[in-house]
């Protein structure tokens, strides 16, 4: 498994602990919209998106723009790597409790 794949697997395991959560992992095949985050979902009527990176993986300009569009529309976004995983888990848990 790639380093980014390991990050995605841990995010997916974390999110699987939540009931009533819709989660989708878009597959980039060239036919859909480019720049969509690795995870998109909804919980308690709130939309969220998560982009996973390995190491210092930088976001592309399109990913930055897409995440901003989601935030502008009222969604919540995270960029997660190995170092920020614990912070993400804590923030996601707190966010869910607020909604």
PDB file of N, CA and C in Angstrom:
ATOM      1  N   UNK A   1       0.853  -1.183   0.000  1.00  0.00           N
ATOM      2  CA  UNK A   1       0.000   0.000   0.000  1.00  0.00           C
ATOM      3  C   UNK A   1       0.894   1.241   0.000  1.00  0.00           C
ATOM      4  N   UNK A   2       0.509   2.225  -0.778  1.00  0.00           N
ATOM      5  CA  UNK A   2       1.279   3.465  -0.849  1.00  0.00           C
ATOM      6  C   UNK A   2       1.124   4.250   0.451  1.00  0.00           C
ATOM      7  N   UNK A   3       2.054   5.186   0.725  1.00  0.00           N
ATOM      8  CA  UNK A   3       1.887   6.028   1.917  1.00  0.00           C
ATOM      9  C   UNK A   3       0.552   6.782   1.915  1.00  0.00           C
ATOM     10  N   UNK A   4       0.147   7.300   0.769  1.00  0.00           N
ATOM     11  CA  UNK A   4      -1.146   7.988   0.707  1.00  0.00           C
ATOM     12  C   UNK A   4      -2.287   7.002   0.918  1.00  0.00           C
ATOM     13  N   UNK A   5      -2.142   5.806   0.409  1.00  0.00           N
ATOM     14  CA  UNK A   5      -3.150   4.771   0.612  1.00  0.00           C
ATOM     15  C   UNK A   5      -3.337   4.444   2.086  1.00  0.00           C
ATOM     16  N   UNK A   6      -2.242   4.466   2.841  1.00  0.00           N
ATOM     17  CA  UNK A   6      -2.323   4.219   4.281  1.00  0.00           C
ATOM     18  C   UNK A   6      -3.091   5.339   4.980  1.00  0.00           C
ATOM     19  N   UNK A   7      -2.877   6.577   4.546  1.00  0.00           N
ATOM     20  CA  UNK A   7      -3.610   7.711   5.115  1.00  0.00           C
ATOM     21  C   UNK A   7      -5.104   7.553   4.807  1.00  0.00           C
ATOM     22  N   UNK A   8      -5.423   7.220   3.562  1.00  0.00           N
ATOM     23  CA  UNK A   8      -6.827   7.032   3.175  1.00  0.00           C
ATOM     24  C   UNK A   8      -7.475   5.914   3.981  1.00  0.00           C
ATOM     25  N   UNK A   9      -6.754   4.824   4.186  1.00  0.00           N
ATOM     26  CA  UNK A   9      -7.307   3.699   4.944  1.00  0.00           C
ATOM     27  C   UNK A   9      -7.607   4.104   6.383  1.00  0.00           C
ATOM     28  N   UNK A  10      -6.727   4.872   6.989  1.00  0.00           N
ATOM     29  CA  UNK A  10      -6.958   5.294   8.378  1.00  0.00           C
ATOM     30  C   UNK A  10      -8.128   6.273   8.462  1.00  0.00           C
ATOM     31  N   UNK A  11      -8.232   7.188   7.496  1.00  0.00           N
ATOM     32  CA  UNK A  11      -9.376   8.108   7.463  1.00  0.00           C
ATOM     33  C   UNK A  11     -10.667   7.303   7.312  1.00  0.00           C
ATOM     34  N   UNK A  12     -10.662   6.338   6.406  1.00  0.00           N
ATOM     35  CA  UNK A  12     -11.861   5.528   6.170  1.00  0.00           C
ATOM     36  C   UNK A  12     -12.246   4.749   7.430  1.00  0.00           C
ATOM     37  N   UNK A  13     -11.271   4.174   8.128  1.00  0.00           N
ATOM     38  CA  UNK A  13     -11.563   3.467   9.384  1.00  0.00           C
ATOM     39  C   UNK A  13     -12.158   4.410  10.424  1.00  0.00           C
ATOM     40  N   UNK A  14     -11.595   5.606  10.510  1.00  0.00           N
ATOM     41  CA  UNK A  14     -12.092   6.599  11.467  1.00  0.00           C
ATOM     42  C   UNK A  14     -13.537   6.967  11.164  1.00  0.00           C
ATOM     43  N   UNK A  15     -13.824   7.234   9.908  1.00  0.00           N
ATOM     44  CA  UNK A  15     -15.174   7.654   9.529  1.00  0.00           C
ATOM     45  C   UNK A  15     -16.190   6.522   9.658  1.00  0.00           C
ATOM     46  N   UNK A  16     -15.729   5.277   9.533  1.00  0.00           N
ATOM     47  CA  UNK A  16     -16.655   4.138   9.629  1.00  0.00           C
ATOM     48  C   UNK A  16     -17.239   3.992  11.028  1.00  0.00           C
ATOM     49  N   UNK A  17     -16.670   4.680  12.007  1.00  0.00           N
ATOM     50  CA  UNK A  17     -17.167   4.620  13.380  1.00  0.00           C
ATOM     51  C   UNK A  17     -18.430   5.455  13.587  1.00  0.00           C
ATOM     52  N   UNK A  18     -18.772   6.283  12.615  1.00  0.00           N
ATOM     53  CA  UNK A  18     -19.927   7.178  12.757  1.00  0.00           C
ATOM     54  C   UNK A  18     -21.153   6.577  12.089  1.00  0.00           C
ATOM     55  N   UNK A  19     -22.243   6.538  12.851  1.00  0.00           N
ATOM     56  CA  UNK A  19     -23.516   6.073  12.305  1.00  0.00           C
ATOM     57  C   UNK A  19     -24.136   7.200  11.481  1.00  0.00           C
ATOM     58  N   UNK A  20     -25.010   6.834  10.589  1.00  0.00           N
ATOM     59  CA  UNK A  20     -25.746   7.820   9.783  1.00  0.00           C
ATOM     60  C   UNK A  20     -24.835   8.750   9.005  1.00  0.00           C
ATOM     61  N   UNK A  21     -23.735   8.225   8.525  1.00  0.00           N
ATOM     62  CA  UNK A  21     -22.794   9.007   7.732  1.00  0.00           C
ATOM     63  C   UNK A  21     -22.822   8.481   6.306  1.00  0.00           C
ATOM     64  N   UNK A  22     -22.985   9.387   5.351  1.00  0.00           N
ATOM     65  CA  UNK A  22     -22.847   9.020   3.942  1.00  0.00           C
ATOM     66  C   UNK A  22     -21.421   9.337   3.536  1.00  0.00           C
ATOM     67  N   UNK A  23     -20.739   8.385   2.928  1.00  0.00           N
ATOM     68  CA  UNK A  23     -19.350   8.578   2.526  1.00  0.00           C
ATOM     69  C   UNK A  23     -19.153   8.049   1.123  1.00  0.00           C
ATOM     70  N   UNK A  24     -18.457   8.820   0.320  1.00  0.00           N
ATOM     71  CA  UNK A  24     -18.177   8.428  -1.054  1.00  0.00           C
ATOM     72  C   UNK A  24     -16.725   8.734  -1.373  1.00  0.00           C
ATOM     73  N   UNK A  25     -16.074   7.792  -2.037  1.00  0.00           N
ATOM     74  CA  UNK A  25     -14.691   7.981  -2.484  1.00  0.00           C
ATOM     75  C   UNK A  25     -14.700   8.009  -4.019  1.00  0.00           C
ATOM     76  N   UNK A  26     -14.705   9.194  -4.615  1.00  0.00           N
ATOM     77  CA  UNK A  26     -14.734   9.278  -6.073  1.00  0.00           C
ATOM     78  C   UNK A  26     -13.478   8.666  -6.697  1.00  0.00           C
ATOM     79  N   UNK A  27     -13.659   7.952  -7.775  1.00  0.00           N
ATOM     80  CA  UNK A  27     -12.540   7.360  -8.507  1.00  0.00           C
ATOM     81  C   UNK A  27     -12.241   8.257  -9.694  1.00  0.00           C
ATOM     82  N   UNK A  28     -11.008   8.698  -9.798  1.00  0.00           N
ATOM     83  CA  UNK A  28     -10.606   9.561 -10.912  1.00  0.00           C
ATOM     84  C   UNK A  28     -10.307   8.701 -12.136  1.00  0.00           C
ATOM     85  N   UNK A  29     -11.208   8.709 -13.093  1.00  0.00           N
ATOM     86  CA  UNK A  29     -11.050   7.901 -14.297  1.00  0.00           C
ATOM     87  C   UNK A  29     -10.854   8.747 -15.547  1.00  0.00           C
ATOM     88  N   UNK A  30     -10.919  10.044 -15.400  1.00  0.00           N
ATOM     89  CA  UNK A  30     -10.815  10.898 -16.570  1.00  0.00           C
ATOM     90  C   UNK A  30     -12.170  11.326 -17.103  1.00  0.00           C
ATOM     91  N   UNK A  31     -13.233  10.720 -16.618  1.00  0.00           N
ATOM     92  CA  UNK A  31     -14.575  11.056 -17.093  1.00  0.00           C
ATOM     93  C   UNK A  31     -15.319  11.999 -16.160  1.00  0.00           C
ATOM     94  N   UNK A  32     -14.901  12.072 -14.910  1.00  0.00           N
ATOM     95  CA  UNK A  32     -15.572  12.936 -13.950  1.00  0.00           C
ATOM     96  C   UNK A  32     -14.869  14.278 -13.850  1.00  0.00           C
ATOM     97  N   UNK A  33     -15.216  15.013 -12.842  1.00  0.00           N
ATOM     98  CA  UNK A  33     -14.611  16.318 -12.600  1.00  0.00           C
ATOM     99  C   UNK A  33     -13.285  16.138 -11.869  1.00  0.00           C
ATOM    100  N   UNK A  34     -12.243  16.721 -12.381  1.00  0.00           N
ATOM    101  CA  UNK A  34     -10.931  16.652 -11.747  1.00  0.00           C
ATOM    102  C   UNK A  34     -10.908  17.545 -10.509  1.00  0.00           C
ATOM    103  N   UNK A  35     -10.054  17.193  -9.547  1.00  0.00           N
ATOM    104  CA  UNK A  35      -9.880  18.022  -8.359  1.00  0.00           C
ATOM    105  C   UNK A  35     -10.811  17.692  -7.207  1.00  0.00           C
ATOM    106  N   UNK A  36     -11.691  16.704  -7.393  1.00  0.00           N
ATOM    107  CA  UNK A  36     -12.605  16.319  -6.312  1.00  0.00           C
ATOM    108  C   UNK A  36     -11.784  15.649  -5.215  1.00  0.00           C
ATOM    109  N   UNK A  37     -12.039  15.984  -3.949  1.00  0.00           N
ATOM    110  CA  UNK A  37     -11.278  15.388  -2.842  1.00  0.00           C
ATOM    111  C   UNK A  37     -11.447  13.865  -2.770  1.00  0.00           C
ATOM    112  N   UNK A  38     -10.561  13.226  -2.020  1.00  0.00           N
ATOM    113  CA  UNK A  38     -10.557  11.769  -1.902  1.00  0.00           C
ATOM    114  C   UNK A  38     -11.817  11.231  -1.235  1.00  0.00           C
ATOM    115  N   UNK A  39     -12.372  11.973  -0.296  1.00  0.00           N
ATOM    116  CA  UNK A  39     -13.603  11.584   0.392  1.00  0.00           C
ATOM    117  C   UNK A  39     -14.575  12.754   0.336  1.00  0.00           C
ATOM    118  N   UNK A  40     -15.827  12.458   0.023  1.00  0.00           N
ATOM    119  CA  UNK A  40     -16.888  13.439   0.172  1.00  0.00           C
ATOM    120  C   UNK A  40     -18.002  12.744   0.948  1.00  0.00           C
ATOM    121  N   UNK A  41     -18.642  13.489   1.827  1.00  0.00           N
ATOM    122  CA  UNK A  41     -19.658  12.859   2.648  1.00  0.00           C
ATOM    123  C   UNK A  41     -20.610  13.854   3.267  1.00  0.00           C
ATOM    124  N   UNK A  42     -21.561  13.284   3.983  1.00  0.00           N
ATOM    125  CA  UNK A  42     -22.571  14.094   4.655  1.00  0.00           C
ATOM    126  C   UNK A  42     -22.926  13.403   5.963  1.00  0.00           C
ATOM    127  N   UNK A  43     -23.040  14.201   7.006  1.00  0.00           N
ATOM    128  CA  UNK A  43     -23.477  13.702   8.300  1.00  0.00           C
ATOM    129  C   UNK A  43     -24.334  14.787   8.949  1.00  0.00           C
ATOM    130  N   UNK A  44     -25.492  14.400   9.441  1.00  0.00           N
ATOM    131  CA  UNK A  44     -26.424  15.345  10.071  1.00  0.00           C
ATOM    132  C   UNK A  44     -26.666  16.571   9.191  1.00  0.00           C
ATOM    133  N   UNK A  45     -26.899  16.338   7.921  1.00  0.00           N
ATOM    134  CA  UNK A  45     -27.190  17.388   6.939  1.00  0.00           C
ATOM    135  C   UNK A  45     -26.011  18.310   6.650  1.00  0.00           C
ATOM    136  N   UNK A  46     -24.824  17.951   7.073  1.00  0.00           N
ATOM    137  CA  UNK A  46     -23.632  18.770   6.839  1.00  0.00           C
ATOM    138  C   UNK A  46     -22.686  18.052   5.880  1.00  0.00           C
ATOM    139  N   UNK A  47     -22.271  18.770   4.844  1.00  0.00           N
ATOM    140  CA  UNK A  47     -21.388  18.232   3.820  1.00  0.00           C
ATOM    141  C   UNK A  47     -19.935  18.434   4.231  1.00  0.00           C
ATOM    142  N   UNK A  48     -19.102  17.433   3.942  1.00  0.00           N
ATOM    143  CA  UNK A  48     -17.672  17.562   4.208  1.00  0.00           C
ATOM    144  C   UNK A  48     -16.866  16.904   3.093  1.00  0.00           C
ATOM    145  N   UNK A  49     -15.612  17.289   3.017  1.00  0.00           N
ATOM    146  CA  UNK A  49     -14.685  16.721   2.039  1.00  0.00           C
ATOM    147  C   UNK A  49     -13.312  16.602   2.680  1.00  0.00           C
ATOM    148  N   UNK A  50     -12.606  15.543   2.307  1.00  0.00           N
ATOM    149  CA  UNK A  50     -11.284  15.291   2.869  1.00  0.00           C
ATOM    150  C   UNK A  50     -10.326  14.943   1.740  1.00  0.00           C
ATOM    151  N   UNK A  51      -9.223  15.650   1.691  1.00  0.00           N
ATOM    152  CA  UNK A  51      -8.150  15.348   0.739  1.00  0.00           C
ATOM    153  C   UNK A  51      -7.008  14.730   1.524  1.00  0.00           C
ATOM    154  N   UNK A  52      -6.540  13.575   1.087  1.00  0.00           N
ATOM    155  CA  UNK A  52      -5.445  12.880   1.757  1.00  0.00           C
ATOM    156  C   UNK A  52      -4.152  13.077   0.984  1.00  0.00           C
ATOM    157  N   UNK A  53      -3.093  13.261   1.724  1.00  0.00           N
ATOM    158  CA  UNK A  53      -1.759  13.425   1.139  1.00  0.00           C
ATOM    159  C   UNK A  53      -0.774  12.597   1.946  1.00  0.00           C
ATOM    160  N   UNK A  54       0.314  12.244   1.321  1.00  0.00           N
ATOM    161  CA  UNK A  54       1.402  11.560   2.014  1.00  0.00           C
ATOM    162  C   UNK A  54       2.543  12.543   2.192  1.00  0.00           C
ATOM    163  N   UNK A  55       3.167  12.489   3.358  1.00  0.00           N
ATOM    164  CA  UNK A  55       4.315  13.363   3.605  1.00  0.00           C
ATOM    165  C   UNK A  55       3.947  14.818   3.438  1.00  0.00           C
ATOM    166  N   UNK A  56       4.783  15.508   2.675  1.00  0.00           N
ATOM    167  CA  UNK A  56       4.538  16.936   2.440  1.00  0.00           C
ATOM    168  C   UNK A  56       3.768  17.168   1.154  1.00  0.00           C
ATOM    169  N   UNK A  57       3.076  16.167   0.686  1.00  0.00           N
ATOM    170  CA  UNK A  57       2.338  16.297  -0.568  1.00  0.00           C
ATOM    171  C   UNK A  57       1.557  17.588  -0.631  1.00  0.00           C
ATOM    172  N   UNK A  58       1.837  18.362  -1.647  1.00  0.00           N
ATOM    173  CA  UNK A  58       1.172  19.655  -1.802  1.00  0.00           C
ATOM    174  C   UNK A  58      -0.110  19.503  -2.612  1.00  0.00           C
ATOM    175  N   UNK A  59      -1.067  20.342  -2.293  1.00  0.00           N
ATOM    176  CA  UNK A  59      -2.289  20.393  -3.074  1.00  0.00           C
ATOM    177  C   UNK A  59      -2.005  21.033  -4.423  1.00  0.00           C
ATOM    178  N   UNK A  60      -2.700  20.564  -5.452  1.00  0.00           N
ATOM    179  CA  UNK A  60      -2.616  21.229  -6.744  1.00  0.00           C
ATOM    180  C   UNK A  60      -3.478  22.492  -6.681  1.00  0.00           C
ATOM    181  N   UNK A  61      -3.279  23.368  -7.627  1.00  0.00           N
ATOM    182  CA  UNK A  61      -4.089  24.594  -7.685  1.00  0.00           C
ATOM    183  C   UNK A  61      -5.571  24.237  -7.813  1.00  0.00           C
ATOM    184  N   UNK A  62      -5.876  23.206  -8.584  1.00  0.00           N
ATOM    185  CA  UNK A  62      -7.269  22.787  -8.753  1.00  0.00           C
ATOM    186  C   UNK A  62      -7.845  22.246  -7.442  1.00  0.00           C
ATOM    187  N   UNK A  63      -7.061  21.502  -6.683  1.00  0.00           N
ATOM    188  CA  UNK A  63      -7.526  21.007  -5.388  1.00  0.00           C
ATOM    189  C   UNK A  63      -7.777  22.157  -4.414  1.00  0.00           C
ATOM    190  N   UNK A  64      -6.888  23.127  -4.406  1.00  0.00           N
ATOM    191  CA  UNK A  64      -7.069  24.303  -3.542  1.00  0.00           C
ATOM    192  C   UNK A  64      -8.370  25.010  -3.901  1.00  0.00           C
ATOM    193  N   UNK A  65      -8.590  25.216  -5.178  1.00  0.00           N
ATOM    194  CA  UNK A  65      -9.800  25.906  -5.637  1.00  0.00           C
ATOM    195  C   UNK A  65     -11.058  25.105  -5.297  1.00  0.00           C
ATOM    196  N   UNK A  66     -11.029  23.793  -5.507  1.00  0.00           N
ATOM    197  CA  UNK A  66     -12.188  22.954  -5.222  1.00  0.00           C
ATOM    198  C   UNK A  66     -12.516  22.954  -3.731  1.00  0.00           C
ATOM    199  N   UNK A  67     -11.503  22.824  -2.871  1.00  0.00           N
ATOM    200  CA  UNK A  67     -11.743  22.863  -1.424  1.00  0.00           C
ATOM    201  C   UNK A  67     -12.318  24.210  -1.003  1.00  0.00           C
ATOM    202  N   UNK A  68     -11.860  25.291  -1.610  1.00  0.00           N
ATOM    203  CA  UNK A  68     -12.398  26.610  -1.295  1.00  0.00           C
ATOM    204  C   UNK A  68     -13.848  26.733  -1.757  1.00  0.00           C
ATOM    205  N   UNK A  69     -14.164  26.189  -2.915  1.00  0.00           N
ATOM    206  CA  UNK A  69     -15.547  26.216  -3.398  1.00  0.00           C
ATOM    207  C   UNK A  69     -16.474  25.465  -2.437  1.00  0.00           C
ATOM    208  N   UNK A  70     -15.997  24.354  -1.906  1.00  0.00           N
ATOM    209  CA  UNK A  70     -16.792  23.591  -0.938  1.00  0.00           C
ATOM    210  C   UNK A  70     -17.015  24.416   0.323  1.00  0.00           C
ATOM    211  N   UNK A  71     -15.964  25.051   0.820  1.00  0.00           N
ATOM    212  CA  UNK A  71     -16.113  25.906   2.012  1.00  0.00           C
ATOM    213  C   UNK A  71     -17.037  27.074   1.731  1.00  0.00           C
ATOM    214  N   UNK A  72     -16.917  27.684   0.560  1.00  0.00           N
ATOM    215  CA  UNK A  72     -17.784  28.809   0.198  1.00  0.00           C
ATOM    216  C   UNK A  72     -19.259  28.401   0.146  1.00  0.00           C
ATOM    217  N   UNK A  73     -19.501  27.132  -0.161  1.00  0.00           N
ATOM    218  CA  UNK A  73     -20.872  26.625  -0.232  1.00  0.00           C
ATOM    219  C   UNK A  73     -21.375  26.136   1.127  1.00  0.00           C
ATOM    220  N   UNK A  74     -20.545  26.283   2.167  1.00  0.00           N
ATOM    221  CA  UNK A  74     -20.964  25.903   3.508  1.00  0.00           C
ATOM    222  C   UNK A  74     -20.466  24.555   3.981  1.00  0.00           C
ATOM    223  N   UNK A  75     -19.664  23.873   3.168  1.00  0.00           N
ATOM    224  CA  UNK A  75     -19.116  22.576   3.563  1.00  0.00           C
ATOM    225  C   UNK A  75     -17.866  22.733   4.412  1.00  0.00           C
ATOM    226  N   UNK A  76     -17.476  21.667   5.039  1.00  0.00           N
ATOM    227  CA  UNK A  76     -16.273  21.626   5.878  1.00  0.00           C
ATOM    228  C   UNK A  76     -15.230  20.786   5.152  1.00  0.00           C
ATOM    229  N   UNK A  77     -13.970  21.228   5.183  1.00  0.00           N
ATOM    230  CA  UNK A  77     -12.922  20.488   4.488  1.00  0.00           C
ATOM    231  C   UNK A  77     -11.722  20.247   5.394  1.00  0.00           C
ATOM    232  N   UNK A  78     -11.015  19.173   5.085  1.00  0.00           N
ATOM    233  CA  UNK A  78      -9.755  18.860   5.755  1.00  0.00           C
ATOM    234  C   UNK A  78      -8.759  18.359   4.731  1.00  0.00           C
ATOM    235  N   UNK A  79      -7.494  18.642   4.978  1.00  0.00           N
ATOM    236  CA  UNK A  79      -6.388  18.026   4.255  1.00  0.00           C
ATOM    237  C   UNK A  79      -5.620  17.234   5.309  1.00  0.00           C
ATOM    238  N   UNK A  80      -5.464  15.933   5.070  1.00  0.00           N
ATOM    239  CA  UNK A  80      -4.921  15.042   6.088  1.00  0.00           C
ATOM    240  C   UNK A  80      -3.693  14.314   5.552  1.00  0.00           C
ATOM    241  N   UNK A  81      -2.642  14.272   6.366  1.00  0.00           N
ATOM    242  CA  UNK A  81      -1.485  13.423   6.079  1.00  0.00           C
ATOM    243  C   UNK A  81      -1.137  12.656   7.346  1.00  0.00           C
ATOM    244  N   UNK A  82      -0.027  11.928   7.324  1.00  0.00           N
ATOM    245  CA  UNK A  82       0.347  11.119   8.483  1.00  0.00           C
ATOM    246  C   UNK A  82       0.525  11.965   9.741  1.00  0.00           C
ATOM    247  N   UNK A  83       1.093  13.137   9.581  1.00  0.00           N
ATOM    248  CA  UNK A  83       1.381  14.007  10.726  1.00  0.00           C
ATOM    249  C   UNK A  83       0.113  14.635  11.300  1.00  0.00           C
ATOM    250  N   UNK A  84      -0.832  14.970  10.445  1.00  0.00           N
ATOM    251  CA  UNK A  84      -2.038  15.669  10.915  1.00  0.00           C
ATOM    252  C   UNK A  84      -3.200  14.732  11.236  1.00  0.00           C
ATOM    253  N   UNK A  85      -2.971  13.419  11.170  1.00  0.00           N
ATOM    254  CA  UNK A  85      -4.066  12.458  11.370  1.00  0.00           C
ATOM    255  C   UNK A  85      -4.742  12.618  12.732  1.00  0.00           C
ATOM    256  N   UNK A  86      -3.965  12.671  13.812  1.00  0.00           N
ATOM    257  CA  UNK A  86      -4.567  12.801  15.145  1.00  0.00           C
ATOM    258  C   UNK A  86      -5.353  14.098  15.278  1.00  0.00           C
ATOM    259  N   UNK A  87      -4.823  15.171  14.714  1.00  0.00           N
ATOM    260  CA  UNK A  87      -5.517  16.462  14.745  1.00  0.00           C
ATOM    261  C   UNK A  87      -6.838  16.359  13.976  1.00  0.00           C
ATOM    262  N   UNK A  88      -6.812  15.703  12.813  1.00  0.00           N
ATOM    263  CA  UNK A  88      -8.033  15.525  12.029  1.00  0.00           C
ATOM    264  C   UNK A  88      -9.079  14.751  12.821  1.00  0.00           C
ATOM    265  N   UNK A  89      -8.672  13.630  13.427  1.00  0.00           N
ATOM    266  CA  UNK A  89      -9.614  12.797  14.181  1.00  0.00           C
ATOM    267  C   UNK A  89     -10.277  13.617  15.280  1.00  0.00           C
ATOM    268  N   UNK A  90      -9.497  14.408  15.998  1.00  0.00           N
ATOM    269  CA  UNK A  90     -10.026  15.251  17.070  1.00  0.00           C
ATOM    270  C   UNK A  90     -10.972  16.317  16.513  1.00  0.00           C
ATOM    271  N   UNK A  91     -10.540  17.012  15.456  1.00  0.00           N
ATOM    272  CA  UNK A  91     -11.367  18.069  14.865  1.00  0.00           C
ATOM    273  C   UNK A  91     -12.666  17.514  14.287  1.00  0.00           C
ATOM    274  N   UNK A  92     -12.597  16.359  13.608  1.00  0.00           N
ATOM    275  CA  UNK A  92     -13.799  15.793  13.029  1.00  0.00           C
ATOM    276  C   UNK A  92     -14.793  15.418  14.124  1.00  0.00           C
ATOM    277  N   UNK A  93     -14.291  14.788  15.179  1.00  0.00           N
ATOM    278  CA  UNK A  93     -15.142  14.399  16.311  1.00  0.00           C
ATOM    279  C   UNK A  93     -15.816  15.616  16.938  1.00  0.00           C
ATOM    280  N   UNK A  94     -15.051  16.676  17.157  1.00  0.00           N
ATOM    281  CA  UNK A  94     -15.604  17.904  17.733  1.00  0.00           C
ATOM    282  C   UNK A  94     -16.615  18.542  16.801  1.00  0.00           C
ATOM    283  N   UNK A  95     -16.334  18.536  15.508  1.00  0.00           N
ATOM    284  CA  UNK A  95     -17.241  19.110  14.511  1.00  0.00           C
ATOM    285  C   UNK A  95     -18.570  18.367  14.508  1.00  0.00           C
ATOM    286  N   UNK A  96     -18.520  17.028  14.562  1.00  0.00           N
ATOM    287  CA  UNK A  96     -19.735  16.234  14.573  1.00  0.00           C
ATOM    288  C   UNK A  96     -20.559  16.534  15.823  1.00  0.00           C
ATOM    289  N   UNK A  97     -19.905  16.720  16.957  1.00  0.00           N
ATOM    290  CA  UNK A  97     -20.632  17.034  18.188  1.00  0.00           C
ATOM    291  C   UNK A  97     -21.321  18.386  18.124  1.00  0.00           C
ATOM    292  N   UNK A  98     -20.761  19.323  17.349  1.00  0.00           N
ATOM    293  CA  UNK A  98     -21.343  20.667  17.229  1.00  0.00           C
ATOM    294  C   UNK A  98     -22.599  20.682  16.371  1.00  0.00           C
ATOM    295  N   UNK A  99     -22.722  19.731  15.456  1.00  0.00           N
ATOM    296  CA  UNK A  99     -23.835  19.781  14.492  1.00  0.00           C
ATOM    297  C   UNK A  99     -25.062  19.034  14.943  1.00  0.00           C
TER     298      UNK A  99
END
